[in-house]
């Protein structure tokens, strides 16, 4: 990058000779830098600095990557599932949120760890209490769609201070749950993007 910034436009052969490398050895790295948008290349002109920094690249990646690309499988239960069984599922699946669905997989509500903790403190019989009693019901559930950008997803998670969002697809019958995005999904993506820089 420094060689191109200081000497651009510069040919691949000139860059390779300054680094004591063969042109073939350097080609994949120049290709990656060009694909990342850090360098641009023109035939018979050479490589030159594109003027983008890693922050602007990170921002454009977060706008370009869609929720459908990072979503995980949703963990769902029916509204009549007992709170006890739902808590067991929460631990077995190692998740912090369960999505409550109606017939056909349409979103009815959501229940989180906090909801389960509150229900345990009341002294109710968790084997008999349905999860529908403690869930947050539609339309009060914050959702994202598969084509929403990762930046939009992250902004909703921060704004509403939640751990997980259902990814839904609008259909005539309602909102069909097709995935979930969690803080962990977002963190994993940031680590991957940071590793590319």
Protein backbone atom coordinates (compact mmCIF):
# COMPACT_ATOMS: atom_id res chain seq x y z
CA UNK A 1 0.00 0.00 0.00
CA UNK A 2 2.77 2.43 0.93
CA UNK A 3 4.63 1.75 -2.33
CA UNK A 4 1.51 2.42 -4.37
CA UNK A 5 0.59 5.53 -2.34
CA UNK A 6 4.05 7.05 -2.82
CA UNK A 7 4.73 5.95 -6.42
CA UNK A 8 1.37 5.33 -8.07
CA UNK A 9 0.42 4.71 -10.70
CA UNK A 10 2.92 1.88 -10.66
CA UNK A 11 3.09 -1.44 -12.50
CA UNK A 12 2.85 -4.81 -10.79
CA UNK A 13 6.39 -5.62 -11.96
CA UNK A 14 7.76 -2.48 -10.28
CA UNK A 15 5.97 -3.28 -7.02
CA UNK A 16 7.24 -6.87 -7.11
CA UNK A 17 10.85 -5.78 -7.73
CA UNK A 18 10.73 -3.31 -4.80
CA UNK A 19 9.54 -6.13 -2.54
CA UNK A 20 11.99 -8.70 -3.97
CA UNK A 21 9.09 -10.92 -5.03
CA UNK A 22 8.02 -12.43 -8.30
CA UNK A 23 5.02 -10.91 -10.06
CA UNK A 24 3.20 -14.26 -9.68
CA UNK A 25 3.75 -14.29 -5.91
CA UNK A 26 2.39 -10.75 -5.60
CA UNK A 27 -0.65 -11.18 -7.90
CA UNK A 28 -3.10 -12.63 -5.31
CA UNK A 29 -2.33 -9.81 -2.84
CA UNK A 30 -2.80 -7.12 -5.47
CA UNK A 31 -6.05 -8.81 -6.48
CA UNK A 32 -7.32 -8.82 -2.88
CA UNK A 33 -6.40 -5.16 -2.36
CA UNK A 34 -8.13 -4.25 -5.60
CA UNK A 35 -11.26 -6.26 -4.72
CA UNK A 36 -11.32 -4.65 -1.27
CA UNK A 37 -11.36 -1.25 -2.92
CA UNK A 38 -8.06 -0.05 -1.45
CA UNK A 39 -6.29 -0.06 -4.82
CA UNK A 40 -7.48 0.47 -8.36
CA UNK A 41 -5.83 -0.89 -11.49
CA UNK A 42 -5.89 0.27 -15.09
CA UNK A 43 -4.36 -1.56 -18.04
CA UNK A 44 -1.15 0.08 -19.28
CA UNK A 45 -1.33 2.54 -16.36
CA UNK A 46 -0.79 0.36 -13.32
CA UNK A 47 -1.98 0.33 -9.73
CA UNK A 48 -2.91 3.45 -7.82
CA UNK A 49 -4.31 4.22 -4.39
CA UNK A 50 -8.11 4.41 -4.34
CA UNK A 51 -8.23 6.81 -1.41
CA UNK A 52 -10.38 4.62 0.81
CA UNK A 53 -9.40 3.85 4.37
CA UNK A 54 -10.33 0.84 6.46
CA UNK A 55 -13.07 2.76 8.32
CA UNK A 56 -14.91 3.66 5.12
CA UNK A 57 -14.49 0.06 3.93
CA UNK A 58 -15.92 -1.27 7.20
CA UNK A 59 -18.87 1.10 6.91
CA UNK A 60 -19.57 0.11 3.30
CA UNK A 61 -19.33 -3.60 4.24
CA UNK A 62 -21.83 -3.15 7.08
CA UNK A 63 -24.22 -1.50 4.64
CA UNK A 64 -23.62 -4.10 1.91
CA UNK A 65 -23.93 -7.29 3.99
CA UNK A 66 -27.53 -8.36 4.56
CA UNK A 67 -29.20 -9.98 7.57
CA UNK A 68 -29.85 -13.12 5.50
CA UNK A 69 -26.08 -13.61 5.11
CA UNK A 70 -25.34 -13.80 8.84
CA UNK A 71 -28.59 -15.14 10.29
CA UNK A 72 -28.72 -18.32 12.30
CA UNK A 73 -31.48 -20.87 12.77
CA UNK A 74 -34.36 -19.63 14.93
CA UNK A 75 -35.36 -21.58 18.01
CA UNK A 76 -39.15 -21.61 18.12
CA UNK A 77 -41.92 -22.94 20.35
CA UNK A 78 -45.72 -22.79 20.32
CA UNK A 79 -47.64 -20.50 22.65
CA UNK A 80 -49.02 -23.39 24.72
CA UNK A 81 -45.53 -24.78 25.56
CA UNK A 82 -45.00 -24.73 29.33
CA UNK A 83 -42.56 -22.18 30.75
CA UNK A 84 -40.63 -25.09 32.25
CA UNK A 85 -40.22 -26.83 28.88
CA UNK A 86 -39.29 -23.53 27.23
CA UNK A 87 -36.56 -22.91 29.84
CA UNK A 88 -35.19 -26.42 29.25
CA UNK A 89 -35.12 -25.74 25.48
CA UNK A 90 -33.37 -22.40 26.10
CA UNK A 91 -30.53 -24.24 27.87
CA UNK A 92 -30.40 -27.19 25.47
CA UNK A 93 -30.13 -24.88 22.44
CA UNK A 94 -27.81 -22.45 24.29
CA UNK A 95 -29.79 -19.37 23.24
CA UNK A 96 -31.06 -16.32 25.10
CA UNK A 97 -34.33 -15.86 23.24
CA UNK A 98 -37.12 -18.09 21.96
CA UNK A 99 -39.54 -17.09 19.23
CA UNK A 100 -43.16 -18.03 19.69
CA UNK A 101 -44.83 -19.10 16.47
CA UNK A 102 -48.32 -19.93 15.32
CA UNK A 103 -49.20 -22.68 12.86
CA UNK A 104 -47.08 -22.31 9.71
CA UNK A 105 -44.17 -20.65 11.51
CA UNK A 106 -45.70 -17.17 11.75
CA UNK A 107 -44.40 -14.94 14.53
CA UNK A 108 -46.73 -14.55 17.52
CA UNK A 109 -44.25 -13.26 20.09
CA UNK A 110 -40.88 -13.51 21.75
CA UNK A 111 -39.62 -14.55 25.17
CA UNK A 112 -36.19 -13.78 26.62
CA UNK A 113 -34.09 -14.82 29.62
CA UNK A 114 -35.38 -11.80 31.52
CA UNK A 115 -38.98 -12.93 30.97
CA UNK A 116 -38.12 -16.38 32.29
CA UNK A 117 -36.38 -14.94 35.36
CA UNK A 118 -39.41 -12.78 36.18
CA UNK A 119 -41.74 -15.78 35.86
CA UNK A 120 -39.56 -17.84 38.23
CA UNK A 121 -39.67 -15.16 40.92
CA UNK A 122 -43.48 -15.20 41.09
CA UNK A 123 -43.72 -18.69 42.56
CA UNK A 124 -46.10 -19.94 39.82
CA UNK A 125 -46.15 -23.56 38.72
CA UNK A 126 -43.86 -23.37 35.66
CA UNK A 127 -44.95 -26.83 34.52
CA UNK A 128 -48.52 -25.57 34.06
CA UNK A 129 -47.96 -21.97 32.99
CA UNK A 130 -47.90 -21.58 29.17
CA UNK A 131 -45.13 -19.47 27.69
CA UNK A 132 -47.83 -17.35 26.03
CA UNK A 133 -48.54 -15.77 29.43
CA UNK A 134 -45.06 -14.24 29.73
CA UNK A 135 -44.15 -13.51 26.10
CA UNK A 136 -44.02 -10.13 24.39
CA UNK A 137 -46.75 -10.27 21.77
CA UNK A 138 -46.93 -8.98 18.23
CA UNK A 139 -46.95 -6.16 17.17
CA UNK A 140 -44.58 -5.20 20.02
CA UNK A 141 -41.76 -7.41 18.72
CA UNK A 142 -38.85 -5.73 16.92
CA UNK A 143 -38.01 -7.61 13.71
CA UNK A 144 -35.70 -7.39 10.73
CA UNK A 145 -36.12 -8.61 7.19
CA UNK A 146 -33.63 -10.70 5.20
CA UNK A 147 -32.62 -7.76 2.97
CA UNK A 148 -32.00 -5.35 5.86
CA UNK A 149 -28.35 -4.34 6.14
CA UNK A 150 -26.23 -5.51 9.04
CA UNK A 151 -25.87 -1.86 10.03
CA UNK A 152 -29.68 -1.57 10.36
CA UNK A 153 -29.74 -4.76 12.43
CA UNK A 154 -26.99 -3.52 14.76
CA UNK A 155 -28.73 -0.17 15.19
CA UNK A 156 -31.98 -1.91 16.25
CA UNK A 157 -30.16 -4.16 18.70
CA UNK A 158 -28.50 -1.12 20.27
CA UNK A 159 -31.60 1.10 20.23
CA UNK A 160 -33.88 -1.47 21.87
CA UNK A 161 -31.13 -3.06 24.04
CA UNK A 162 -31.96 -6.62 23.04
CA UNK A 163 -29.83 -9.70 22.44
CA UNK A 164 -31.60 -11.24 19.46
CA UNK A 165 -33.88 -10.25 16.58
CA UNK A 166 -36.14 -12.49 14.53
CA UNK A 167 -35.51 -12.36 10.79
CA UNK A 168 -38.95 -12.44 9.18
CA UNK A 169 -40.36 -12.58 5.69
CA UNK A 170 -43.63 -10.75 5.05
CA UNK A 171 -46.33 -13.05 3.71
CA UNK A 172 -50.07 -12.66 3.26
CA UNK A 173 -50.76 -14.62 6.47
CA UNK A 174 -48.26 -12.68 8.60
CA UNK A 175 -44.54 -12.56 9.39
CA UNK A 176 -42.84 -15.91 8.77
CA UNK A 177 -39.79 -16.53 10.98
CA UNK A 178 -36.85 -17.46 8.72
CA UNK A 179 -33.90 -16.88 11.05
CA UNK A 180 -32.42 -14.91 13.90
CA UNK A 181 -29.59 -12.44 14.30
CA UNK A 182 -27.86 -12.14 17.65
CA UNK A 183 -25.13 -10.02 19.18
CA UNK A 184 -22.87 -13.04 18.68
CA UNK A 185 -23.59 -13.11 14.92
CA UNK A 186 -22.68 -9.43 14.71
CA UNK A 187 -19.52 -9.84 16.79
CA UNK A 188 -18.39 -12.80 14.65
CA UNK A 189 -18.90 -10.68 11.51
CA UNK A 190 -16.85 -7.80 12.96
CA UNK A 191 -14.02 -10.17 13.82
CA UNK A 192 -14.08 -11.60 10.28
CA UNK A 193 -14.11 -8.13 8.71
CA UNK A 194 -11.36 -6.97 11.07
CA UNK A 195 -9.25 -9.97 10.09
CA UNK A 196 -9.51 -8.98 6.44
CA UNK A 197 -8.20 -5.45 7.07
